[in-house]
C-alpha atoms as a PDB file:
ATOM      1  CA  UNK A   1     106.625 115.238  82.262  1.00  0.00           C
ATOM      2  CA  UNK A   2     103.486 117.786  81.188  1.00  0.00           C
ATOM      3  CA  UNK A   3     100.854 119.852  83.249  1.00  0.00           C
ATOM      4  CA  UNK A   4      98.854 117.297  83.831  1.00  0.00           C
ATOM      5  CA  UNK A   5     101.058 114.231  84.049  1.00  0.00           C
ATOM      6  CA  UNK A   6     102.428 117.009  87.117  1.00  0.00           C
ATOM      7  CA  UNK A   7      98.676 117.932  88.954  1.00  0.00           C
ATOM      8  CA  UNK A   8      97.371 114.807  88.253  1.00  0.00           C
ATOM      9  CA  UNK A   9     101.183 113.578  90.292  1.00  0.00           C
ATOM     10  CA  UNK A  10      99.832 116.199  93.056  1.00  0.00           C
ATOM     11  CA  UNK A  11      97.055 114.936  93.971  1.00  0.00           C
ATOM     12  CA  UNK A  12      97.859 110.838  93.697  1.00  0.00           C
ATOM     13  CA  UNK A  13      99.837 111.682  96.449  1.00  0.00           C
ATOM     14  CA  UNK A  14      97.947 114.658  98.486  1.00  0.00           C
ATOM     15  CA  UNK A  15      95.417 111.590  98.885  1.00  0.00           C
ATOM     16  CA  UNK A  16      97.970 108.473  99.854  1.00  0.00           C
ATOM     17  CA  UNK A  17      98.580 111.509 102.107  1.00  0.00           C
ATOM     18  CA  UNK A  18      95.038 112.387 103.409  1.00  0.00           C
ATOM     19  CA  UNK A  19      94.973 108.383 103.791  1.00  0.00           C
ATOM     20  CA  UNK A  20      98.522 107.321 105.573  1.00  0.00           C
ATOM     21  CA  UNK A  21      98.652 110.067 107.448  1.00  0.00           C
ATOM     22  CA  UNK A  22      96.371 109.325 110.193  1.00  0.00           C
ATOM     23  CA  UNK A  23      97.818 105.880 110.468  1.00  0.00           C
ATOM     24  CA  UNK A  24     101.865 107.298 111.195  1.00  0.00           C
ATOM     25  CA  UNK A  25     100.352 109.806 113.608  1.00  0.00           C
ATOM     26  CA  UNK A  26      98.366 106.345 115.530  1.00  0.00           C
ATOM     27  CA  UNK A  27     101.326 105.161 115.392  1.00  0.00           C
ATOM     28  CA  UNK A  28     104.276 107.879 116.699  1.00  0.00           C
ATOM     29  CA  UNK A  29     101.435 108.144 119.505  1.00  0.00           C
ATOM     30  CA  UNK A  30     101.572 104.760 120.673  1.00  0.00           C
ATOM     31  CA  UNK A  31     104.666 105.403 121.590  1.00  0.00           C
ATOM     32  CA  UNK A  32     104.491 108.263 124.124  1.00  0.00           C
ATOM     33  CA  UNK A  33     106.318 108.252 127.583  1.00  0.00           C
ATOM     34  CA  UNK A  34     103.056 110.536 128.888  1.00  0.00           C
ATOM     35  CA  UNK A  35      99.676 110.248 130.297  1.00  0.00           C
ATOM     36  CA  UNK A  36      96.836 111.232 127.682  1.00  0.00           C
ATOM     37  CA  UNK A  37      97.658 111.093 123.835  1.00  0.00           C
ATOM     38  CA  UNK A  38      99.938 113.572 122.337  1.00  0.00           C
ATOM     39  CA  UNK A  39     101.863 114.227 118.796  1.00  0.00           C
ATOM     40  CA  UNK A  40     104.210 114.309 118.823  1.00  0.00           C
ATOM     41  CA  UNK A  41     105.311 112.830 122.072  1.00  0.00           C
ATOM     42  CA  UNK A  42     107.840 114.390 124.753  1.00  0.00           C
ATOM     43  CA  UNK A  43     109.304 111.357 124.848  1.00  0.00           C
ATOM     44  CA  UNK A  44     109.085 107.275 123.830  1.00  0.00           C
ATOM     45  CA  UNK A  45     108.458 103.727 125.261  1.00  0.00           C
ATOM     46  CA  UNK A  46     107.039 100.721 124.909  1.00  0.00           C
ATOM     47  CA  UNK A  47     104.591 101.638 128.893  1.00  0.00           C
ATOM     48  CA  UNK A  48     101.798 101.462 126.584  1.00  0.00           C
ATOM     49  CA  UNK A  49     102.684  98.018 124.292  1.00  0.00           C
ATOM     50  CA  UNK A  50     103.238  96.582 127.761  1.00  0.00           C
ATOM     51  CA  UNK A  51      99.967  98.384 129.122  1.00  0.00           C
ATOM     52  CA  UNK A  52      98.194  96.215 126.139  1.00  0.00           C
ATOM     53  CA  UNK A  53      99.449  93.606 126.838  1.00  0.00           C
ATOM     54  CA  UNK A  54      97.728  93.861 130.547  1.00  0.00           C
ATOM     55  CA  UNK A  55      94.691  94.131 130.210  1.00  0.00           C
ATOM     56  CA  UNK A  56      92.261  91.283 131.262  1.00  0.00           C
ATOM     57  CA  UNK A  57      89.672  93.530 128.845  1.00  0.00           C
ATOM     58  CA  UNK A  58      91.710  93.792 125.476  1.00  0.00           C
ATOM     59  CA  UNK A  59      92.422  90.416 126.158  1.00  0.00           C
ATOM     60  CA  UNK A  60      89.879  88.569 126.256  1.00  0.00           C
ATOM     61  CA  UNK A  61      87.517  90.549 123.743  1.00  0.00           C
ATOM     62  CA  UNK A  62      90.313  89.865 121.503  1.00  0.00           C
ATOM     63  CA  UNK A  63      89.414  86.075 122.029  1.00  0.00           C
ATOM     64  CA  UNK A  64      86.388  86.454 121.010  1.00  0.00           C
ATOM     65  CA  UNK A  65      86.534  88.597 118.085  1.00  0.00           C
ATOM     66  CA  UNK A  66      89.091  86.217 116.965  1.00  0.00           C
ATOM     67  CA  UNK A  67      85.993  83.035 118.200  1.00  0.00           C
ATOM     68  CA  UNK A  68      83.298  85.491 116.349  1.00  0.00           C
ATOM     69  CA  UNK A  69      84.776  86.646 112.860  1.00  0.00           C
ATOM     70  CA  UNK A  70      86.427  82.780 112.543  1.00  0.00           C
ATOM     71  CA  UNK A  71      84.029  80.896 112.511  1.00  0.00           C
ATOM     72  CA  UNK A  72      81.125  83.441 111.238  1.00  0.00           C
ATOM     73  CA  UNK A  73      83.854  83.262 108.159  1.00  0.00           C
ATOM     74  CA  UNK A  74      83.242  79.740 108.067  1.00  0.00           C
ATOM     75  CA  UNK A  75      79.734  78.892 108.252  1.00  0.00           C
ATOM     76  CA  UNK A  76      79.372  81.912 106.333  1.00  0.00           C
ATOM     77  CA  UNK A  77      81.366  80.632 103.615  1.00  0.00           C
ATOM     78  CA  UNK A  78      79.127  77.086 103.968  1.00  0.00           C
ATOM     79  CA  UNK A  79      76.470  79.222 102.469  1.00  0.00           C
ATOM     80  CA  UNK A  80      77.756  81.469 100.375  1.00  0.00           C
ATOM     81  CA  UNK A  81      79.807  79.342  97.890  1.00  0.00           C
ATOM     82  CA  UNK A  82      76.402  76.898  97.130  1.00  0.00           C
ATOM     83  CA  UNK A  83      74.952  80.345  97.173  1.00  0.00           C
ATOM     84  CA  UNK A  84      76.907  81.996  95.089  1.00  0.00           C
ATOM     85  CA  UNK A  85      77.047  78.836  92.921  1.00  0.00           C
ATOM     86  CA  UNK A  86      72.975  78.415  92.293  1.00  0.00           C
ATOM     87  CA  UNK A  87      73.503  81.461  91.323  1.00  0.00           C
ATOM     88  CA  UNK A  88      76.516  82.256  88.506  1.00  0.00           C
ATOM     89  CA  UNK A  89      75.125  79.079  87.550  1.00  0.00           C
ATOM     90  CA  UNK A  90      71.465  78.924  87.857  1.00  0.00           C
ATOM     91  CA  UNK A  91      68.406  79.124  85.358  1.00  0.00           C
ATOM     92  CA  UNK A  92      65.467  80.203  86.846  1.00  0.00           C
ATOM     93  CA  UNK A  93      62.606  82.739  86.910  1.00  0.00           C
ATOM     94  CA  UNK A  94      63.923  85.635  89.934  1.00  0.00           C
ATOM     95  CA  UNK A  95      66.804  84.536  89.410  1.00  0.00           C
ATOM     96  CA  UNK A  96      67.735  88.709  90.091  1.00  0.00           C
ATOM     97  CA  UNK A  97      65.467  88.997  92.749  1.00  0.00           C
ATOM     98  CA  UNK A  98      67.074  85.555  95.707  1.00  0.00           C
ATOM     99  CA  UNK A  99      70.736  87.708  94.177  1.00  0.00           C
ATOM    100  CA  UNK A 100      69.661  90.995  95.418  1.00  0.00           C
ATOM    101  CA  UNK A 101      68.271  89.522  98.855  1.00  0.00           C
ATOM    102  CA  UNK A 102      72.059  88.261  99.502  1.00  0.00           C
ATOM    103  CA  UNK A 103      73.379  90.901  99.542  1.00  0.00           C
ATOM    104  CA  UNK A 104      70.270  93.108 101.084  1.00  0.00           C
ATOM    105  CA  UNK A 105      72.574  93.105 104.466  1.00  0.00           C
ATOM    106  CA  UNK A 106      75.008  95.342 103.415  1.00  0.00           C
ATOM    107  CA  UNK A 107      72.880  97.882 101.574  1.00  0.00           C
ATOM    108  CA  UNK A 108      70.545  98.623 104.758  1.00  0.00           C
ATOM    109  CA  UNK A 109      72.373 100.219 107.491  1.00  0.00           C
ATOM    110  CA  UNK A 110      74.418  99.246 109.437  1.00  0.00           C
ATOM    111  CA  UNK A 111      72.796 100.166 112.579  1.00  0.00           C
ATOM    112  CA  UNK A 112      68.699  99.364 111.051  1.00  0.00           C
ATOM    113  CA  UNK A 113      70.446  95.786 110.810  1.00  0.00           C
ATOM    114  CA  UNK A 114      72.224  95.912 114.241  1.00  0.00           C
ATOM    115  CA  UNK A 115      69.265  97.360 115.972  1.00  0.00           C
ATOM    116  CA  UNK A 116      66.465  94.578 114.302  1.00  0.00           C
ATOM    117  CA  UNK A 117      69.096  91.300 114.705  1.00  0.00           C
ATOM    118  CA  UNK A 118      68.125  92.299 118.229  1.00  0.00           C
ATOM    119  CA  UNK A 119      64.753  92.985 118.053  1.00  0.00           C
ATOM    120  CA  UNK A 120      64.493  89.644 116.808  1.00  0.00           C
ATOM    121  CA  UNK A 121      67.284  87.197 118.519  1.00  0.00           C
ATOM    122  CA  UNK A 122      67.450  88.695 121.848  1.00  0.00           C
ATOM    123  CA  UNK A 123      64.387  90.360 122.264  1.00  0.00           C
ATOM    124  CA  UNK A 124      61.707  87.666 120.293  1.00  0.00           C
ATOM    125  CA  UNK A 125      64.218  85.112 119.921  1.00  0.00           C
ATOM    126  CA  UNK A 126      65.908  85.655 123.396  1.00  0.00           C
ATOM    127  CA  UNK A 127      69.164  83.777 121.909  1.00  0.00           C
ATOM    128  CA  UNK A 128      71.570  83.531 123.616  1.00  0.00           C
ATOM    129  CA  UNK A 129      74.677  86.804 122.793  1.00  0.00           C
ATOM    130  CA  UNK A 130      76.454  85.615 122.274  1.00  0.00           C
ATOM    131  CA  UNK A 131      74.973  82.680 119.694  1.00  0.00           C
ATOM    132  CA  UNK A 132      73.384  86.032 118.564  1.00  0.00           C
ATOM    133  CA  UNK A 133      76.152  87.633 117.773  1.00  0.00           C
ATOM    134  CA  UNK A 134      77.895  84.965 115.780  1.00  0.00           C
ATOM    135  CA  UNK A 135      74.230  85.032 113.438  1.00  0.00           C
ATOM    136  CA  UNK A 136      74.730  88.895 112.820  1.00  0.00           C
ATOM    137  CA  UNK A 137      78.039  88.222 112.126  1.00  0.00           C
ATOM    138  CA  UNK A 138      77.540  85.433 109.999  1.00  0.00           C
ATOM    139  CA  UNK A 139      74.189  87.894 107.857  1.00  0.00           C
ATOM    140  CA  UNK A 140      76.846  90.021 107.506  1.00  0.00           C
ATOM    141  CA  UNK A 141      80.186  89.124 105.692  1.00  0.00           C
ATOM    142  CA  UNK A 142      77.470  86.331 103.047  1.00  0.00           C
ATOM    143  CA  UNK A 143      77.290  89.345 100.513  1.00  0.00           C
ATOM    144  CA  UNK A 144      81.123  89.223 100.992  1.00  0.00           C
ATOM    145  CA  UNK A 145      81.721  85.684 100.182  1.00  0.00           C
ATOM    146  CA  UNK A 146      79.672  85.681  97.392  1.00  0.00           C
ATOM    147  CA  UNK A 147      80.283  88.886  95.434  1.00  0.00           C
ATOM    148  CA  UNK A 148      84.216  87.752  95.388  1.00  0.00           C
ATOM    149  CA  UNK A 149      83.508  83.539  94.937  1.00  0.00           C
ATOM    150  CA  UNK A 150      80.841  84.517  91.901  1.00  0.00           C
ATOM    151  CA  UNK A 151      82.904  86.204  89.850  1.00  0.00           C
ATOM    152  CA  UNK A 152      85.518  83.547  90.042  1.00  0.00           C
ATOM    153  CA  UNK A 153      83.292  81.316  89.395  1.00  0.00           C
ATOM    154  CA  UNK A 154      81.845  84.048  86.180  1.00  0.00           C
ATOM    155  CA  UNK A 155      85.475  83.397  85.032  1.00  0.00           C
ATOM    156  CA  UNK A 156      86.258  79.914  85.244  1.00  0.00           C
ATOM    157  CA  UNK A 157      84.912  78.060  82.422  1.00  0.00           C
ATOM    158  CA  UNK A 158      81.621  76.456  82.260  1.00  0.00           C
ATOM    159  CA  UNK A 159      82.552  73.601  79.488  1.00  0.00           C
ATOM    160  CA  UNK A 160      84.856  71.255  81.642  1.00  0.00           C
ATOM    161  CA  UNK A 161      82.002  70.961  84.146  1.00  0.00           C
ATOM    162  CA  UNK A 162      79.973  69.698  81.182  1.00  0.00           C
ATOM    163  CA  UNK A 163      83.219  67.809  79.551  1.00  0.00           C
ATOM    164  CA  UNK A 164      83.522  66.258  83.248  1.00  0.00           C
ATOM    165  CA  UNK A 165      79.586  65.743  82.852  1.00  0.00           C
ATOM    166  CA  UNK A 166      79.324  63.531  80.005  1.00  0.00           C
ATOM    167  CA  UNK A 167      82.733  61.490  81.232  1.00  0.00           C
ATOM    168  CA  UNK A 168      81.051  60.145  83.787  1.00  0.00           C
ATOM    169  CA  UNK A 169      81.593  62.403  86.605  1.00  0.00           C
ATOM    170  CA  UNK A 170      78.300  63.124  89.030  1.00  0.00           C
ATOM    171  CA  UNK A 171      77.361  67.323  89.711  1.00  0.00           C
ATOM    172  CA  UNK A 172      78.208  67.133  93.431  1.00  0.00           C
ATOM    173  CA  UNK A 173      81.530  65.136  91.938  1.00  0.00           C
ATOM    174  CA  UNK A 174      82.349  67.750  89.677  1.00  0.00           C
ATOM    175  CA  UNK A 175      82.182  70.777  91.700  1.00  0.00           C
ATOM    176  CA  UNK A 176      84.992  69.017  94.604  1.00  0.00           C
ATOM    177  CA  UNK A 177      86.732  68.059  91.779  1.00  0.00           C
ATOM    178  CA  UNK A 178      87.366  69.976  89.234  1.00  0.00           C
ATOM    179  CA  UNK A 179      84.992  72.679  90.383  1.00  0.00           C
ATOM    180  CA  UNK A 180      86.209  74.116  93.459  1.00  0.00           C
ATOM    181  CA  UNK A 181      90.276  73.445  93.483  1.00  0.00           C
ATOM    182  CA  UNK A 182      89.719  76.035  90.425  1.00  0.00           C
ATOM    183  CA  UNK A 183      87.979  78.486  92.041  1.00  0.00           C
ATOM    184  CA  UNK A 184      89.954  77.976  95.626  1.00  0.00           C
ATOM    185  CA  UNK A 185      92.034  81.758  94.411  1.00  0.00           C
ATOM    186  CA  UNK A 186      88.061  83.650  95.591  1.00  0.00           C
ATOM    187  CA  UNK A 187      86.784  81.117  98.220  1.00  0.00           C
ATOM    188  CA  UNK A 188      90.433  82.599 100.102  1.00  0.00           C
ATOM    189  CA  UNK A 189      89.787  86.432  99.620  1.00  0.00           C
ATOM    190  CA  UNK A 190      86.720  85.668 100.325  1.00  0.00           C
ATOM    191  CA  UNK A 191      87.448  84.221 103.520  1.00  0.00           C
ATOM    192  CA  UNK A 192      89.565  87.854 103.953  1.00  0.00           C
ATOM    193  CA  UNK A 193      87.675  90.120 102.893  1.00  0.00           C
ATOM    194  CA  UNK A 194      84.923  88.111 105.789  1.00  0.00           C
ATOM    195  CA  UNK A 195      86.992  87.716 108.608  1.00  0.00           C
ATOM    196  CA  UNK A 196      88.312  91.127 108.901  1.00  0.00           C
ATOM    197  CA  UNK A 197      84.245  92.781 108.100  1.00  0.00           C
ATOM    198  CA  UNK A 198      83.444  90.922 110.672  1.00  0.00           C
ATOM    199  CA  UNK A 199      87.154  90.840 113.143  1.00  0.00           C
ATOM    200  CA  UNK A 200      86.538  95.356 112.570  1.00  0.00           C
ATOM    201  CA  UNK A 201      82.734  95.315 112.641  1.00  0.00           C
ATOM    202  CA  UNK A 202      80.961  97.752 116.167  1.00  0.00           C
ATOM    203  CA  UNK A 203      77.584  98.956 114.442  1.00  0.00           C
ATOM    204  CA  UNK A 204      76.109  95.353 114.505  1.00  0.00           C
ATOM    205  CA  UNK A 205      78.125  93.706 116.832  1.00  0.00           C
ATOM    206  CA  UNK A 206      77.895  97.003 119.015  1.00  0.00           C
ATOM    207  CA  UNK A 207      73.768  95.844 119.821  1.00  0.00           C
ATOM    208  CA  UNK A 208      74.191  92.018 119.653  1.00  0.00           C
ATOM    209  CA  UNK A 209      76.721  92.385 122.603  1.00  0.00           C
ATOM    210  CA  UNK A 210      76.189  91.954 126.873  1.00  0.00           C
ATOM    211  CA  UNK A 211      76.570  91.521 130.081  1.00  0.00           C
ATOM    212  CA  UNK A 212      80.549  89.262 129.837  1.00  0.00           C
ATOM    213  CA  UNK A 213      80.693  88.667 126.334  1.00  0.00           C
ATOM    214  CA  UNK A 214      81.900  91.959 123.864  1.00  0.00           C
ATOM    215  CA  UNK A 215      83.966  92.317 120.653  1.00  0.00           C
ATOM    216  CA  UNK A 216      87.616  93.116 120.964  1.00  0.00           C
ATOM    217  CA  UNK A 217      86.313  96.476 118.704  1.00  0.00           C
ATOM    218  CA  UNK A 218      83.166  97.843 121.568  1.00  0.00           C
ATOM    219  CA  UNK A 219      86.736  97.277 124.014  1.00  0.00           C
ATOM    220  CA  UNK A 220      87.976 100.037 122.430  1.00  0.00           C
ATOM    221  CA  UNK A 221      85.291 102.255 121.342  1.00  0.00           C
ATOM    222  CA  UNK A 222      84.204 102.088 125.510  1.00  0.00           C
ATOM    223  CA  UNK A 223      88.118 102.174 127.090  1.00  0.00           C
ATOM    224  CA  UNK A 224      87.986 105.153 124.230  1.00  0.00           C
ATOM    225  CA  UNK A 225      85.117 107.068 126.062  1.00  0.00           C
ATOM    226  CA  UNK A 226      86.743 107.046 129.642  1.00  0.00           C
ATOM    227  CA  UNK A 227      90.981 107.039 129.233  1.00  0.00           C
ATOM    228  CA  UNK A 228      92.588 109.480 127.721  1.00  0.00           C
ATOM    229  CA  UNK A 229      95.693 107.731 127.265  1.00  0.00           C
ATOM    230  CA  UNK A 230      97.962 105.978 124.229  1.00  0.00           C
ATOM    231  CA  UNK A 231      97.007 102.607 125.538  1.00  0.00           C
ATOM    232  CA  UNK A 232      94.543 102.507 122.279  1.00  0.00           C
ATOM    233  CA  UNK A 233      97.079 103.920 119.920  1.00  0.00           C
ATOM    234  CA  UNK A 234      99.195 100.842 121.294  1.00  0.00           C
ATOM    235  CA  UNK A 235      95.964  98.813 120.189  1.00  0.00           C
ATOM    236  CA  UNK A 236      95.628  99.527 117.255  1.00  0.00           C
ATOM    237  CA  UNK A 237      99.204  99.194 116.099  1.00  0.00           C
ATOM    238  CA  UNK A 238      99.333  95.971 117.127  1.00  0.00           C
ATOM    239  CA  UNK A 239      96.117  95.183 115.124  1.00  0.00           C
ATOM    240  CA  UNK A 240      98.125  97.308 112.274  1.00  0.00           C
ATOM    241  CA  UNK A 241     101.670  95.114 112.853  1.00  0.00           C
ATOM    242  CA  UNK A 242      98.613  91.471 112.893  1.00  0.00           C
ATOM    243  CA  UNK A 243      96.653  92.162 109.303  1.00  0.00           C
ATOM    244  CA  UNK A 244     100.485  93.277 108.077  1.00  0.00           C
ATOM    245  CA  UNK A 245     101.424  90.054 109.282  1.00  0.00           C
ATOM    246  CA  UNK A 246      98.487  88.396 108.458  1.00  0.00           C
ATOM    247  CA  UNK A 247      98.894  90.026 104.373  1.00  0.00           C
ATOM    248  CA  UNK A 248     102.938  89.213 104.638  1.00  0.00           C
ATOM    249  CA  UNK A 249     102.441  85.092 105.721  1.00  0.00           C
ATOM    250  CA  UNK A 250      99.702  85.081 102.031  1.00  0.00           C
ATOM    251  CA  UNK A 251     102.293  87.411  99.618  1.00  0.00           C
ATOM    252  CA  UNK A 252     104.526  84.681 100.422  1.00  0.00           C
ATOM    253  CA  UNK A 253     102.634  81.572 100.258  1.00  0.00           C
ATOM    254  CA  UNK A 254     100.673  82.516  97.216  1.00  0.00           C
ATOM    255  CA  UNK A 255     100.985  85.654  96.105  1.00  0.00           C
ATOM    256  CA  UNK A 256      98.750  88.555  95.569  1.00  0.00           C
ATOM    257  CA  UNK A 257      99.279  87.886  91.901  1.00  0.00           C
ATOM    258  CA  UNK A 258      97.107  84.402  92.399  1.00  0.00           C
ATOM    259  CA  UNK A 259      94.495  86.099  93.457  1.00  0.00           C
ATOM    260  CA  UNK A 260      94.040  88.238  89.886  1.00  0.00           C
ATOM    261  CA  UNK A 261      95.252  85.432  87.877  1.00  0.00           C
ATOM    262  CA  UNK A 262      93.087  83.105  89.282  1.00  0.00           C
END
């Protein structure tokens, strides 16, 4: 290996180290015995994992976060798939302007976006907190749906649709019978991406939560303000484990190459 290759390898290892090291520190700290965060721990225990499962506020906010993430992702798919198709296949005036409009939620700072939603949905329209949270998350994750599905549609041969129409299929039937099955990998990938972004969101959720309704990331942040024990570290490990299991199931059922090849 030449000098340039060695330098590149060292740089790559450093990047991986800075990415993985914080996760390893959190994982080791979560198994500590002491009443406060300490690395390395003096003794190992699973008491903080038990504490997570026995803490009602974490269980309740996890259920709320799961509901919001699942419902908002499905709503975003219902709006994002047709929007992606129109943007990808349409040839109309101001097409780029329409595309920029749909992608704008990720271009605006999330703090500004969350505060704007708070003023409009809760202060002006006086909507319930849960409804406002759903609307806010749905708007925020639509761009992720559109970007992924639009990329899939760009790689899908338009002539197949034309052939179906020529043989008598209606545009709607063509979409459901021909187009949708061929972009299913993009739909699944966009669902996962949108779900993760919704579940882990803090800047928008902090403005749209209220008494009795909070999300798990907000509750974790509030817990850290008053307690210094490894409970949040243990919860973080459980969330990482959940994500790993989810990705393992997807890999076993579809294969990650399924997303690349399609």
